[in-house]
Amino acid sequence: MVSDAEIERLRREADTIMTRYQEVETRLESAREESGDHWDDGELSVTLDSPQGEPLDITLDLHADPASNAESRYERAKELEAELERKREIVGQLAPLPADPVAYLLCYHLDRVEGNYPRSMAGHLDADRGHVEELCEELLAAGLLERVESGTVKQRRVKAKQADEVRQHHTYYRLSREGDHLLRFLGEREGQLNVLRHLPDGRRLAERLARGGPDYARMTAEELGMEFEYVRHLYRALRRVGLVTDYEGSTIKASERKLKPKDETHRKHTYFVTTDRAETLLRELESG
């Protein structure tokens, strides 16, 4: 994921390599004269003191000299910075947020419960645990989440738990101040407009509903050749930010559902429709 933290990490590694140039060169030369696993992937893992005096784990290209190892990081940081700037021009404040509907749902979940751990969050969101763990780390690196300090988590601070207090055996996360500001932004018109630009397929699904009327996740997935779980989470994320809503009627008239016209459809699934705000924003994007 492109983030300021990743760019800073690359530059810090490059600065450290150049500051410890002689040490890096010695380590590389020694490794080239020895057998070991580093020959399998052509990489050498070392720990160096940064210019600030902090230990830093760095993976070096075994076949490159110290200057080339540093330069590759400077160049990559420059590329990522340009990419991040392009993203910010398009999606504004949403640039640090992973373009993944589950990431949106995680933030809203933590806003409601104030603190939780990945396995529990995966259960609440009906999402893959490994995927949730990865997103938590990405959101943490982006500054949108923070880890809850170790110890006992009080019930008043973790609403997902029912006991008076919870002995913390897991890594708990909560929204950071930046994460809270992001959710506030998502509640605004500009934030919702940027969601349609930021979420892959978000605009596509919203336009489908606006054009064709009510639809449900499995039908959308089948007709568009998309993964059902992804579509289900995408609809939920769009609903959470106020771009789609549940269809409330018990039957759907033919005049309402142009996607699959018949006299009427008895509603056996959760059908979604676009909100007035979404339709206004879609017209704005089309005209722009």
Protein backbone atom coordinates (compact mmCIF):
# COMPACT_ATOMS: atom_id res chain seq x y z
CA MET A 1 0.00 0.00 0.00
CA VAL A 2 1.26 3.50 -0.86
CA SER A 3 1.56 5.62 2.26
CA ASP A 4 3.69 8.34 3.77
CA ALA A 5 4.97 5.76 6.25
CA GLU A 6 6.24 3.48 3.45
CA ILE A 7 7.95 6.40 1.72
CA GLU A 8 9.58 7.47 4.96
CA ARG A 9 10.73 3.89 5.64
CA LEU A 10 12.46 3.66 2.26
CA ARG A 11 14.23 6.96 2.73
CA ARG A 12 15.27 6.07 6.26
CA GLU A 13 16.77 2.81 5.02
CA ALA A 14 18.60 4.62 2.21
CA ASP A 15 19.98 7.23 4.61
CA THR A 16 21.13 4.47 6.96
CA ILE A 17 22.92 2.58 4.18
CA MET A 18 24.78 5.70 3.11
CA THR A 19 25.61 6.66 6.71
CA ARG A 20 26.95 3.14 7.39
CA TYR A 21 28.49 2.78 3.93
CA GLN A 22 31.70 1.06 5.01
CA GLU A 23 29.89 -1.33 7.36
CA VAL A 24 27.40 -2.25 4.64
CA GLU A 25 30.19 -2.84 2.13
CA THR A 26 32.04 -5.08 4.61
CA ARG A 27 28.89 -7.11 5.35
CA LEU A 28 28.20 -7.60 1.65
CA GLU A 29 31.75 -8.67 0.86
CA SER A 30 31.77 -11.15 3.74
CA ALA A 31 28.44 -12.64 2.69
CA ARG A 32 29.67 -13.11 -0.88
CA GLU A 33 32.56 -15.21 0.41
CA GLU A 34 30.31 -17.45 2.53
CA SER A 35 27.73 -20.10 1.69
CA GLY A 36 24.23 -19.75 3.08
CA ASP A 37 20.56 -19.13 2.39
CA HIS A 38 21.30 -15.59 1.17
CA TRP A 39 22.40 -17.07 -2.15
CA ASP A 40 18.92 -18.55 -2.74
CA ASP A 41 17.20 -15.18 -3.21
CA GLY A 42 20.22 -12.91 -3.60
CA GLU A 43 19.34 -10.93 -0.48
CA LEU A 44 21.14 -10.26 2.79
CA SER A 45 19.26 -9.24 5.93
CA VAL A 46 21.23 -6.99 8.27
CA THR A 47 20.54 -4.80 11.29
CA LEU A 48 22.13 -1.35 11.20
CA ASP A 49 21.98 1.69 13.44
CA SER A 50 20.08 4.50 11.74
CA PRO A 51 21.50 8.05 11.75
CA GLN A 52 19.25 8.63 14.77
CA GLY A 53 20.88 5.70 16.56
CA GLU A 54 17.91 3.32 16.32
CA PRO A 55 18.42 -0.30 15.13
CA LEU A 56 16.92 -0.85 11.70
CA ASP A 57 16.40 -4.18 9.90
CA ILE A 58 17.29 -3.84 6.21
CA THR A 59 17.29 -6.35 3.36
CA LEU A 60 20.15 -5.66 0.94
CA ASP A 61 20.62 -6.74 -2.66
CA LEU A 62 23.56 -9.12 -2.33
CA HIS A 63 24.82 -8.34 -5.84
CA ALA A 64 24.67 -4.53 -5.60
CA ASP A 65 27.07 -2.14 -3.90
CA PRO A 66 25.93 0.07 -0.97
CA ALA A 67 25.34 3.10 -3.20
CA SER A 68 23.09 1.10 -5.56
CA ASN A 69 21.17 -0.37 -2.60
CA ALA A 70 20.53 3.13 -1.30
CA GLU A 71 19.75 4.63 -4.70
CA SER A 72 17.13 1.98 -5.48
CA ARG A 73 15.31 2.99 -2.28
CA TYR A 74 15.53 6.70 -3.03
CA GLU A 75 14.12 6.07 -6.51
CA ARG A 76 11.33 3.85 -5.22
CA ALA A 77 10.41 6.45 -2.57
CA LYS A 78 10.26 9.09 -5.29
CA GLU A 79 7.98 6.89 -7.43
CA LEU A 80 5.67 6.16 -4.50
CA GLU A 81 5.54 9.83 -3.55
CA ALA A 82 4.43 10.73 -7.09
CA GLU A 83 1.85 7.93 -7.04
CA LEU A 84 0.52 9.07 -3.67
CA GLU A 85 0.27 12.63 -4.92
CA ARG A 86 -1.72 11.44 -7.94
CA LYS A 87 -4.05 9.49 -5.67
CA ARG A 88 -4.54 12.51 -3.42
CA GLU A 89 -5.43 14.65 -6.39
CA ILE A 90 -8.16 12.15 -7.26
CA VAL A 91 -9.50 10.98 -3.91
CA GLY A 92 -8.27 13.61 -1.48
CA GLN A 93 -8.44 12.53 2.15
CA LEU A 94 -9.20 8.92 1.22
CA ALA A 95 -5.70 8.33 -0.21
CA PRO A 96 -4.35 6.62 2.99
CA LEU A 97 -7.32 4.24 3.17
CA PRO A 98 -6.85 0.84 1.47
CA ALA A 99 -9.13 0.67 -1.57
CA ASP A 100 -10.94 -2.32 -0.12
CA PRO A 101 -14.57 -2.42 1.08
CA VAL A 102 -13.58 -4.47 4.14
CA ALA A 103 -11.21 -1.65 5.17
CA TYR A 104 -14.19 0.73 5.21
CA LEU A 105 -16.24 -1.73 7.24
CA LEU A 106 -13.40 -2.24 9.73
CA CYS A 107 -13.21 1.48 10.39
CA TYR A 108 -16.95 1.78 10.93
CA HIS A 109 -16.93 -1.30 13.17
CA LEU A 110 -14.16 0.12 15.36
CA ASP A 111 -15.94 3.45 15.51
CA ARG A 112 -18.93 1.63 17.00
CA VAL A 113 -17.19 -0.74 19.42
CA GLU A 114 -14.14 1.47 20.19
CA GLY A 115 -11.68 -1.44 20.21
CA ASN A 116 -11.44 -5.02 18.98
CA TYR A 117 -9.01 -7.68 17.71
CA PRO A 118 -8.82 -9.17 14.19
CA ARG A 119 -10.38 -12.58 14.85
CA SER A 120 -13.38 -10.99 16.52
CA MET A 121 -13.68 -8.34 13.81
CA ALA A 122 -13.58 -11.02 11.12
CA GLY A 123 -16.52 -12.72 12.81
CA HIS A 124 -18.51 -9.51 13.11
CA LEU A 125 -17.90 -8.61 9.47
CA ASP A 126 -18.12 -12.16 8.09
CA ALA A 127 -14.68 -11.65 6.53
CA ASP A 128 -11.52 -13.73 6.23
CA ARG A 129 -9.40 -13.47 9.38
CA GLY A 130 -6.08 -13.29 7.53
CA HIS A 131 -7.41 -10.53 5.31
CA VAL A 132 -8.62 -8.57 8.33
CA GLU A 133 -5.21 -8.93 10.01
CA GLU A 134 -3.48 -7.60 6.89
CA LEU A 135 -5.87 -4.65 6.64
CA CYS A 136 -5.36 -3.79 10.30
CA GLU A 137 -1.61 -3.57 9.70
CA GLU A 138 -2.14 -1.44 6.59
CA LEU A 139 -4.53 0.88 8.44
CA LEU A 140 -2.06 1.07 11.31
CA ALA A 141 0.77 2.01 8.92
CA ALA A 142 -1.47 4.63 7.32
CA GLY A 143 -2.14 6.18 10.73
CA LEU A 144 -5.88 5.43 10.69
CA LEU A 145 -5.73 2.85 13.51
CA GLU A 146 -3.67 2.55 16.66
CA ARG A 147 -2.95 -0.40 18.89
CA VAL A 148 -4.64 -0.44 22.28
CA GLU A 149 -2.07 -0.52 25.06
CA SER A 150 -1.54 -3.92 26.66
CA GLY A 151 -3.23 -4.83 29.90
CA THR A 152 -6.88 -4.97 30.86
CA VAL A 153 -9.40 -3.47 28.46
CA LYS A 154 -12.40 -2.02 30.25
CA GLN A 155 -15.87 -2.91 29.02
CA ARG A 156 -16.81 0.73 28.57
CA ARG A 157 -13.97 1.04 26.05
CA VAL A 158 -14.58 -2.18 24.12
CA LYS A 159 -18.29 -2.51 23.37
CA ALA A 160 -17.84 -5.72 21.37
CA LYS A 161 -17.24 -7.57 24.63
CA GLN A 162 -19.87 -8.37 27.22
CA ALA A 163 -17.75 -8.87 30.35
CA ASP A 164 -17.06 -6.02 32.78
CA GLU A 165 -13.43 -6.19 31.77
CA VAL A 166 -11.41 -8.19 29.28
CA ARG A 167 -7.96 -9.59 29.93
CA GLN A 168 -6.14 -8.65 26.74
CA HIS A 169 -4.80 -11.84 25.13
CA HIS A 170 -4.96 -10.42 21.58
CA THR A 171 -3.73 -7.37 19.71
CA TYR A 172 -6.55 -4.85 19.96
CA TYR A 173 -7.01 -1.93 17.57
CA ARG A 174 -9.03 1.24 17.72
CA LEU A 175 -9.54 4.23 15.45
CA SER A 176 -6.92 6.93 15.71
CA ARG A 177 -7.80 10.60 15.62
CA GLU A 178 -7.00 10.56 11.90
CA GLY A 179 -9.33 7.58 11.44
CA ASP A 180 -12.11 9.41 13.25
CA HIS A 181 -11.61 12.45 11.00
CA LEU A 182 -11.74 10.18 7.96
CA LEU A 183 -15.13 8.77 8.93
CA ARG A 184 -16.44 12.27 9.47
CA PHE A 185 -15.25 13.12 5.98
CA LEU A 186 -17.07 10.07 4.58
CA GLY A 187 -20.30 11.48 5.96
CA GLU A 188 -19.88 14.63 3.87
CA ARG A 189 -20.84 15.14 0.25
CA GLU A 190 -17.22 15.48 -0.91
CA GLY A 191 -16.26 12.32 0.96
CA GLN A 192 -19.05 10.32 -0.66
CA LEU A 193 -18.06 11.62 -4.09
CA ASN A 194 -14.50 10.48 -3.50
CA VAL A 195 -15.69 7.02 -2.42
CA LEU A 196 -17.02 6.51 -5.95
CA ARG A 197 -13.55 7.36 -7.26
CA HIS A 198 -11.64 5.43 -4.60
CA LEU A 199 -13.42 2.09 -4.20
CA PRO A 200 -12.74 -0.27 -7.11
CA ASP A 201 -16.08 -1.18 -8.74
CA GLY A 202 -17.95 1.12 -6.33
CA ARG A 203 -19.02 3.48 -9.07
CA ARG A 204 -19.75 0.54 -11.38
CA LEU A 205 -22.18 -1.04 -8.91
CA ALA A 206 -23.81 2.27 -8.05
CA GLU A 207 -24.32 3.06 -11.75
CA ARG A 208 -25.79 -0.41 -12.28
CA LEU A 209 -28.36 0.15 -9.54
CA ALA A 210 -29.16 3.69 -10.68
CA ARG A 211 -29.72 2.46 -14.22
CA GLY A 212 -31.37 -0.90 -13.60
CA GLY A 213 -33.14 -0.67 -10.24
CA PRO A 214 -32.94 -2.98 -7.19
CA ASP A 215 -30.47 -5.86 -7.19
CA TYR A 216 -28.86 -8.23 -4.68
CA ALA A 217 -25.25 -9.26 -4.16
CA ARG A 218 -25.32 -12.78 -5.60
CA MET A 219 -27.10 -11.75 -8.78
CA THR A 220 -24.69 -8.84 -9.26
CA ALA A 221 -21.69 -11.12 -8.76
CA GLU A 222 -22.96 -13.73 -11.20
CA GLU A 223 -23.88 -11.28 -13.95
CA LEU A 224 -20.67 -9.25 -13.67
CA GLY A 225 -18.37 -12.25 -13.15
CA MET A 226 -17.19 -10.99 -9.75
CA GLU A 227 -16.52 -12.76 -6.43
CA PHE A 228 -19.68 -12.95 -4.33
CA GLU A 229 -17.94 -12.12 -1.04
CA TYR A 230 -16.30 -9.06 -2.57
CA VAL A 231 -19.60 -7.80 -3.99
CA ARG A 232 -21.38 -8.42 -0.68
CA HIS A 233 -18.81 -6.38 1.24
CA LEU A 234 -18.81 -3.72 -1.45
CA TYR A 235 -22.57 -3.23 -1.18
CA ARG A 236 -22.28 -3.05 2.61
CA ALA A 237 -19.53 -0.44 2.40
CA LEU A 238 -21.54 1.65 -0.07
CA ARG A 239 -24.53 1.37 2.23
CA ARG A 240 -22.46 2.42 5.22
CA VAL A 241 -21.29 5.62 3.55
CA GLY A 242 -24.81 6.45 2.39
CA LEU A 243 -24.59 5.71 -1.34
CA VAL A 244 -26.92 2.70 -1.41
CA THR A 245 -29.70 1.60 0.89
CA ASP A 246 -31.88 -1.48 1.38
CA TYR A 247 -34.96 -1.80 -0.78
CA GLU A 248 -37.85 -1.83 1.68
CA GLY A 249 -40.75 -3.20 -0.35
CA SER A 250 -41.90 -6.82 -0.11
CA THR A 251 -42.23 -7.13 -3.89
CA ILE A 252 -40.40 -5.38 -6.73
CA LYS A 253 -42.49 -4.16 -9.66
CA ALA A 254 -41.33 -4.68 -13.23
CA SER A 255 -41.14 -0.91 -13.70
CA GLU A 256 -38.62 -0.74 -10.83
CA ARG A 257 -36.28 -3.55 -11.82
CA LYS A 258 -35.04 -3.06 -15.38
CA LEU A 259 -32.11 -5.45 -14.83
CA LYS A 260 -34.35 -8.53 -14.80
CA PRO A 261 -37.81 -7.46 -15.89
CA LYS A 262 -40.84 -9.54 -14.95
CA ASP A 263 -44.28 -8.62 -13.66
CA GLU A 264 -43.05 -8.59 -10.09
CA THR A 265 -40.31 -10.15 -7.96
CA HIS A 266 -40.98 -11.41 -4.45
CA ARG A 267 -38.08 -10.25 -2.33
CA LYS A 268 -36.17 -13.25 -0.90
CA HIS A 269 -32.82 -11.49 -0.65
CA THR A 270 -31.49 -8.16 0.58
CA TYR A 271 -31.94 -5.89 -2.42
CA PHE A 272 -30.08 -2.61 -2.74
CA VAL A 273 -30.95 0.67 -4.44
CA THR A 274 -29.02 3.89 -4.84
CA THR A 275 -29.75 6.86 -2.60
CA ASP A 276 -30.71 10.26 -3.98
CA ARG A 277 -27.25 11.52 -3.00
CA ALA A 278 -25.56 8.75 -5.02
CA GLU A 279 -27.61 9.50 -8.13
CA THR A 280 -26.73 13.20 -7.86
CA LEU A 281 -23.03 12.40 -7.50
CA LEU A 282 -23.10 9.92 -10.40
CA ARG A 283 -24.58 12.60 -12.67
CA GLU A 284 -21.85 14.97 -11.54
CA LEU A 285 -19.12 12.43 -12.35
CA GLU A 286 -20.66 11.69 -15.74
CA SER A 287 -20.90 15.35 -16.69
CA GLY A 288 -17.36 16.02 -15.40
